[in-house]
Amino acid sequence: MTNNDKAPTTSTVVMGHASNAGKWMLQGGTLVALIALILFFFLMRPDVFLGFTNVRNILYQVSILAIIAAAQTMVMVVGDFDLSVGANSSLAGATAAALMLGGTPIPIAILAALVVGTLIGLFNGYLVAYLKVSAFVATLASMTSVIGISYLVTGGTTLFNFPPEFNALGQGRLFEIPLPVYFAVVVALATWFVLRYTTIGRRWYAVGGNHEVSRLSGVNVRRVRLIAFVLAGTVSALGGILLAARLGSASATQDGNNMMFAVAAVFLGMTIARSGAANLVGTMIGVMIIGVLANGLNILGVNAYIQQVITGLIIVAAVTLSGLRSRER
């Protein structure tokens, strides 16, 4: 047997298994974290946590976040970033509310709010794709402006007294499941289908992998990026409309936190895909991690300020896991 044909030593085998285990943990860490959280809170409060009422509450609470996170996923698949999804969502809810209070029929008010969200996405996409402004800078500026517009629309107050038919969109139930949960499932399935089975979805992933290679392959990179921002704007607006219906009120900043949570969910989900890219299934698992954690901490009576600290740590962990996954790849 030559030196090159030496049998692997025990230490080499052990190191190989350890390396494989490490890779598995990086790829499946997010799913493992979700399962661990569920088991932990179940063991702490077995009488409450996995009961039908509480599971329904978790799904209800994360339904709007799931929609916003789906919008963020579209943009991050192409390698960009949208800081304005939360502000866009708030403006859409405020627009629909203001129009309805002014006597506009509900369908027209909702359609107008969706158009507003779409136009904001178009504006962001044009800045990023055609004027080549940094996505971070462009959407940060957009977020600031949109918040200002929301204050103008609401007059700096909280709008309420909506028609019951509108509130039913966010507060009604079908088979004891809140309607926003169904909307979230439809948006998630539609986004998953677009990303996995359509030409535009494949082009989004190609552009996110390498802009220049995609351009040389005949992909219209600017248009592809623009479409991602436009659709993200529309989906974000839908989330804001449903949130206003669920709360029975609308304000200029009521959906601001969901931007941060949506980014965290997408980063958490990136560890699921072998490529390390943003993906809808991973994002939804990330959404559930955030929802389960918040619900479990509330059940245990953890102070709200401590919950904010833990949420911040989760975002750091999400970014760190995503970076480790990229380096492992």
Protein backbone atom coordinates (compact mmCIF):
# COMPACT_ATOMS: atom_id res chain seq x y z
CA MET A 1 0.00 0.00 0.00
CA THR A 2 1.47 3.35 -1.02
CA ASN A 3 1.43 6.48 1.08
CA ASN A 4 -1.40 7.79 -1.04
CA ASP A 5 -3.45 4.65 -0.36
CA LYS A 6 -3.25 4.76 3.42
CA ALA A 7 -6.44 3.81 5.19
CA PRO A 8 -8.09 6.70 7.03
CA THR A 9 -7.17 6.88 10.68
CA THR A 10 -9.70 6.94 13.48
CA SER A 11 -9.07 10.62 14.09
CA THR A 12 -9.66 11.40 10.41
CA VAL A 13 -12.97 9.53 10.47
CA VAL A 14 -14.06 11.31 13.67
CA MET A 15 -13.11 14.69 12.22
CA GLY A 16 -15.03 13.87 9.06
CA HIS A 17 -18.15 12.96 11.03
CA ALA A 18 -17.78 16.13 13.10
CA SER A 19 -17.47 18.20 9.93
CA ASN A 20 -20.58 16.59 8.46
CA ALA A 21 -22.46 17.17 11.70
CA GLY A 22 -21.39 20.80 11.66
CA LYS A 23 -22.60 21.23 8.10
CA TRP A 24 -25.90 19.60 9.00
CA MET A 25 -26.34 21.91 11.97
CA LEU A 26 -25.65 24.95 9.80
CA GLN A 27 -28.16 23.80 7.20
CA GLY A 28 -30.83 22.53 9.59
CA GLY A 29 -30.16 24.78 12.57
CA THR A 30 -33.22 26.95 12.01
CA LEU A 31 -35.59 23.98 11.92
CA VAL A 32 -33.89 22.48 14.97
CA ALA A 33 -34.29 25.80 16.77
CA LEU A 34 -38.03 25.86 16.03
CA ILE A 35 -38.50 22.30 17.29
CA ALA A 36 -36.44 23.06 20.39
CA LEU A 37 -38.52 26.15 21.18
CA ILE A 38 -41.76 24.23 20.79
CA LEU A 39 -40.53 21.44 23.09
CA PHE A 40 -39.22 23.90 25.67
CA PHE A 41 -42.43 25.92 25.97
CA PHE A 42 -44.52 22.74 25.89
CA LEU A 43 -42.57 21.32 28.80
CA MET A 44 -42.86 24.60 30.70
CA ARG A 45 -46.62 24.95 30.11
CA PRO A 46 -48.00 21.65 28.79
CA ASP A 47 -51.53 22.63 29.80
CA VAL A 48 -51.59 25.68 27.53
CA PHE A 49 -48.94 25.90 24.87
CA LEU A 50 -50.03 23.28 22.33
CA GLY A 51 -53.74 23.67 22.94
CA PHE A 52 -55.90 24.55 19.92
CA THR A 53 -56.65 28.05 21.20
CA ASN A 54 -53.00 28.94 21.72
CA VAL A 55 -51.84 27.45 18.41
CA ARG A 56 -54.56 29.45 16.70
CA ASN A 57 -53.35 32.57 18.52
CA ILE A 58 -49.79 31.98 17.32
CA LEU A 59 -50.93 31.62 13.71
CA TYR A 60 -53.11 34.71 14.05
CA GLN A 61 -50.28 36.78 15.49
CA VAL A 62 -47.75 35.81 12.81
CA SER A 63 -50.13 36.02 9.84
CA ILE A 64 -49.33 39.66 8.99
CA LEU A 65 -45.62 39.10 9.62
CA ALA A 66 -45.71 36.12 7.25
CA ILE A 67 -47.10 38.35 4.49
CA ILE A 68 -44.50 41.07 5.07
CA ALA A 69 -41.73 38.46 5.25
CA ALA A 70 -42.88 36.98 1.94
CA ALA A 71 -42.52 40.45 0.41
CA GLN A 72 -39.04 40.85 1.89
CA THR A 73 -38.08 37.40 0.58
CA MET A 74 -38.83 38.44 -3.01
CA VAL A 75 -36.44 41.36 -2.77
CA MET A 76 -33.70 39.49 -0.95
CA VAL A 77 -33.80 36.64 -3.48
CA VAL A 78 -32.49 39.08 -6.10
CA GLY A 79 -29.76 40.20 -3.71
CA ASP A 80 -31.40 43.47 -2.65
CA PHE A 81 -32.98 44.77 0.52
CA ASP A 82 -36.15 46.72 1.32
CA LEU A 83 -36.28 48.69 4.55
CA SER A 84 -39.58 50.29 3.58
CA VAL A 85 -41.88 47.25 3.70
CA GLY A 86 -43.13 48.10 7.20
CA ALA A 87 -43.69 51.78 6.40
CA ASN A 88 -45.32 50.81 3.11
CA SER A 89 -47.64 48.48 4.99
CA SER A 90 -48.60 51.21 7.47
CA LEU A 91 -49.31 53.72 4.68
CA ALA A 92 -51.52 51.23 2.84
CA GLY A 93 -53.58 50.60 5.97
CA ALA A 94 -53.82 54.35 6.63
CA THR A 95 -54.83 55.05 3.02
CA ALA A 96 -57.61 52.48 3.05
CA ALA A 97 -58.80 53.77 6.43
CA ALA A 98 -58.83 57.43 5.41
CA LEU A 99 -60.70 56.69 2.19
CA MET A 100 -63.33 54.57 3.93
CA LEU A 101 -63.89 57.22 6.59
CA GLY A 102 -64.33 59.70 3.76
CA GLY A 103 -67.15 57.65 2.29
CA THR A 104 -65.24 55.64 -0.34
CA PRO A 105 -66.64 52.12 -0.90
CA ILE A 106 -64.57 49.39 0.73
CA PRO A 107 -63.40 47.64 -2.50
CA ILE A 108 -62.21 50.93 -4.01
CA ALA A 109 -60.43 51.93 -0.80
CA ILE A 110 -58.64 48.59 -0.68
CA LEU A 111 -57.70 48.78 -4.36
CA ALA A 112 -56.36 52.32 -3.90
CA ALA A 113 -54.25 51.18 -0.94
CA LEU A 114 -52.81 48.32 -3.01
CA VAL A 115 -51.99 50.78 -5.82
CA VAL A 116 -50.19 53.04 -3.33
CA GLY A 117 -48.07 50.12 -2.13
CA THR A 118 -47.33 49.09 -5.69
CA LEU A 119 -46.21 52.63 -6.61
CA ILE A 120 -43.87 52.73 -3.62
CA GLY A 121 -42.38 49.43 -4.76
CA LEU A 122 -42.04 50.85 -8.29
CA PHE A 123 -40.28 53.92 -6.93
CA ASN A 124 -37.86 51.78 -4.88
CA GLY A 125 -37.19 49.47 -7.80
CA TYR A 126 -36.50 52.34 -10.18
CA LEU A 127 -34.02 53.91 -7.76
CA VAL A 128 -32.19 50.64 -7.20
CA ALA A 129 -32.36 48.96 -10.60
CA TYR A 130 -32.19 51.89 -13.00
CA LEU A 131 -30.53 54.73 -11.09
CA LYS A 132 -28.21 52.26 -9.33
CA VAL A 133 -28.78 53.72 -5.88
CA SER A 134 -27.79 51.39 -3.04
CA ALA A 135 -30.84 49.37 -1.97
CA PHE A 136 -30.10 50.20 1.66
CA VAL A 137 -29.89 53.95 1.02
CA ALA A 138 -32.84 54.05 -1.41
CA THR A 139 -35.26 52.13 0.80
CA LEU A 140 -34.11 53.91 3.96
CA ALA A 141 -34.93 57.23 2.30
CA SER A 142 -38.19 55.77 1.00
CA MET A 143 -39.10 54.50 4.46
CA THR A 144 -38.55 57.96 5.96
CA SER A 145 -40.65 59.67 3.29
CA VAL A 146 -43.43 57.08 3.47
CA ILE A 147 -43.70 57.49 7.24
CA GLY A 148 -44.07 61.23 6.71
CA ILE A 149 -46.81 60.65 4.13
CA SER A 150 -48.56 58.32 6.57
CA TYR A 151 -48.63 61.07 9.19
CA LEU A 152 -50.13 63.41 6.62
CA VAL A 153 -52.79 60.86 5.65
CA THR A 154 -53.77 60.14 9.26
CA GLY A 155 -53.32 63.71 10.49
CA GLY A 156 -50.98 62.35 13.15
CA THR A 157 -53.84 60.52 14.85
CA THR A 158 -55.20 56.99 14.99
CA LEU A 159 -58.06 56.33 12.60
CA PHE A 160 -60.91 54.01 13.63
CA ASN A 161 -64.66 53.36 13.28
CA PHE A 162 -64.28 51.39 10.06
CA PRO A 163 -67.20 49.61 8.40
CA PRO A 164 -67.88 46.18 9.98
CA GLU A 165 -67.41 44.51 6.59
CA PHE A 166 -63.83 45.79 6.45
CA ASN A 167 -63.03 44.78 10.03
CA ALA A 168 -64.33 41.30 9.24
CA LEU A 169 -61.36 40.78 6.89
CA GLY A 170 -59.03 40.88 9.89
CA GLN A 171 -61.29 39.69 12.68
CA GLY A 172 -63.57 37.15 11.02
CA ARG A 173 -63.10 33.40 11.19
CA LEU A 174 -63.66 30.44 8.91
CA PHE A 175 -63.82 27.02 10.62
CA GLU A 176 -62.62 28.75 13.80
CA ILE A 177 -59.44 29.94 12.05
CA PRO A 178 -58.96 33.72 11.65
CA LEU A 179 -59.19 34.96 8.07
CA PRO A 180 -55.72 36.61 8.06
CA VAL A 181 -54.24 33.13 8.48
CA TYR A 182 -55.85 32.06 5.20
CA PHE A 183 -54.57 35.21 3.47
CA ALA A 184 -51.06 34.47 4.77
CA VAL A 185 -51.21 30.88 3.52
CA VAL A 186 -52.36 32.02 0.07
CA VAL A 187 -49.59 34.64 -0.16
CA ALA A 188 -46.98 32.14 1.03
CA LEU A 189 -48.08 29.47 -1.45
CA ALA A 190 -48.24 31.96 -4.31
CA THR A 191 -44.76 33.29 -3.50
CA TRP A 192 -43.37 29.77 -3.21
CA PHE A 193 -44.90 28.83 -6.57
CA VAL A 194 -43.49 31.93 -8.28
CA LEU A 195 -40.01 31.36 -6.86
CA ARG A 196 -39.93 27.66 -7.67
CA TYR A 197 -41.88 27.15 -10.88
CA THR A 198 -41.96 30.36 -12.90
CA THR A 199 -39.49 32.01 -15.24
CA ILE A 200 -39.39 35.20 -13.21
CA GLY A 201 -38.62 33.23 -10.08
CA ARG A 202 -35.69 31.47 -11.73
CA ARG A 203 -34.43 34.80 -13.00
CA TRP A 204 -34.67 36.30 -9.53
CA TYR A 205 -32.43 33.55 -8.19
CA ALA A 206 -30.04 33.92 -11.12
CA VAL A 207 -29.73 37.66 -10.60
CA GLY A 208 -29.32 37.18 -6.86
CA GLY A 209 -26.49 34.73 -7.55
CA ASN A 210 -24.57 36.99 -9.92
CA HIS A 211 -25.80 40.13 -11.69
CA GLU A 212 -23.12 40.15 -14.36
CA VAL A 213 -23.42 36.49 -15.30
CA SER A 214 -27.19 36.88 -15.53
CA ARG A 215 -26.81 39.91 -17.79
CA LEU A 216 -24.39 38.06 -20.06
CA SER A 217 -26.89 35.19 -20.18
CA GLY A 218 -29.52 37.47 -21.67
CA VAL A 219 -31.48 38.30 -18.51
CA ASN A 220 -32.77 41.86 -18.26
CA VAL A 221 -31.34 42.38 -14.78
CA ARG A 222 -32.81 45.84 -14.25
CA ARG A 223 -36.34 44.77 -15.13
CA VAL A 224 -36.09 41.63 -13.00
CA ARG A 225 -35.02 43.65 -9.95
CA LEU A 226 -37.74 46.21 -10.61
CA ILE A 227 -40.44 43.52 -10.70
CA ALA A 228 -39.25 42.15 -7.35
CA PHE A 229 -39.62 45.55 -5.69
CA VAL A 230 -43.01 46.20 -7.30
CA LEU A 231 -44.48 42.89 -6.14
CA ALA A 232 -42.96 43.35 -2.69
CA GLY A 233 -44.69 46.72 -2.48
CA THR A 234 -48.05 45.21 -3.43
CA VAL A 235 -47.75 42.34 -0.96
CA SER A 236 -46.62 44.68 1.83
CA ALA A 237 -49.67 46.85 1.20
CA LEU A 238 -51.92 43.81 1.53
CA GLY A 239 -50.37 43.09 4.91
CA GLY A 240 -51.05 46.64 6.07
CA ILE A 241 -54.67 46.52 4.95
CA LEU A 242 -55.25 43.28 6.85
CA LEU A 243 -53.52 44.66 9.93
CA ALA A 244 -55.78 47.71 9.94
CA ALA A 245 -58.79 45.42 9.62
CA ARG A 246 -57.53 43.18 12.43
CA LEU A 247 -56.88 46.06 14.83
CA GLY A 248 -59.90 48.08 13.76
CA SER A 249 -57.60 51.10 13.57
CA ALA A 250 -54.79 52.59 11.51
CA SER A 251 -51.84 54.79 12.43
CA ALA A 252 -48.70 56.03 10.72
CA THR A 253 -46.31 53.57 12.36
CA GLN A 254 -48.39 50.59 13.45
CA ASP A 255 -46.53 48.08 11.25
CA GLY A 256 -43.00 49.38 11.68
CA ASN A 257 -41.69 46.49 13.79
CA ASN A 258 -42.62 43.92 11.17
CA MET A 259 -39.84 45.19 8.90
CA MET A 260 -37.23 44.17 11.45
CA PHE A 261 -38.91 40.84 12.16
CA ALA A 262 -39.31 40.12 8.44
CA VAL A 263 -35.59 40.63 7.83
CA ALA A 264 -34.78 38.35 10.76
CA ALA A 265 -37.12 35.67 9.40
CA VAL A 266 -35.51 35.77 5.94
CA PHE A 267 -32.00 35.53 7.38
CA LEU A 268 -33.05 32.62 9.58
CA GLY A 269 -34.55 30.91 6.56
CA MET A 270 -31.38 31.25 4.52
CA THR A 271 -29.79 28.45 6.55
CA ILE A 272 -32.37 25.99 5.24
CA ALA A 273 -31.39 26.20 1.56
CA ARG A 274 -28.27 24.41 0.39
CA SER A 275 -27.39 27.47 -1.68
CA GLY A 276 -27.70 29.76 1.34
CA ALA A 277 -30.11 31.98 -0.61
CA ALA A 278 -33.36 33.49 0.59
CA ASN A 279 -36.23 31.04 0.19
CA LEU A 280 -39.90 31.04 1.10
CA VAL A 281 -39.99 27.79 3.11
CA GLY A 282 -37.09 28.90 5.27
CA THR A 283 -38.63 32.33 5.73
CA MET A 284 -41.87 30.82 7.01
CA ILE A 285 -39.91 28.68 9.48
CA GLY A 286 -38.18 31.86 10.63
CA VAL A 287 -41.57 33.54 11.04
CA MET A 288 -42.76 30.66 13.19
CA ILE A 289 -39.64 30.86 15.37
CA ILE A 290 -40.36 34.52 16.06
CA GLY A 291 -44.05 33.82 16.70
CA VAL A 292 -43.48 30.81 18.95
CA LEU A 293 -40.84 32.66 20.97
CA ALA A 294 -43.03 35.74 21.51
CA ASN A 295 -46.04 33.63 22.45
CA GLY A 296 -44.08 31.36 24.77
CA LEU A 297 -42.44 34.27 26.58
CA ASN A 298 -45.83 35.90 27.07
CA ILE A 299 -47.23 32.69 28.52
CA LEU A 300 -44.31 32.50 30.92
CA GLY A 301 -44.87 36.13 31.92
CA VAL A 302 -41.46 37.39 30.76
CA ASN A 303 -41.05 41.15 30.94
CA ALA A 304 -41.72 42.92 27.61
CA TYR A 305 -38.37 44.72 27.74
CA ILE A 306 -36.55 41.43 28.15
CA GLN A 307 -38.47 40.12 25.16
CA GLN A 308 -37.07 43.00 23.10
CA VAL A 309 -33.55 42.07 24.15
CA ILE A 310 -34.13 38.44 23.20
CA THR A 311 -35.60 39.48 19.85
CA GLY A 312 -32.50 41.56 19.14
CA LEU A 313 -30.29 38.60 19.96
CA ILE A 314 -32.32 36.46 17.57
CA ILE A 315 -31.64 38.93 14.76
CA VAL A 316 -27.91 38.81 15.52
CA ALA A 317 -28.05 35.01 15.54
CA ALA A 318 -29.94 35.00 12.25
CA VAL A 319 -27.35 37.13 10.51
CA THR A 320 -24.51 35.11 12.05
CA LEU A 321 -26.01 31.78 10.97
CA SER A 322 -26.54 33.12 7.49
CA GLY A 323 -22.91 34.26 7.30
CA LEU A 324 -21.63 30.91 8.56
CA ARG A 325 -23.82 29.13 6.03
CA SER A 326 -22.39 31.26 3.22
CA ARG A 327 -18.80 30.57 4.31
CA GLU A 328 -19.54 26.82 4.63
CA ARG A 329 -20.92 26.87 1.08
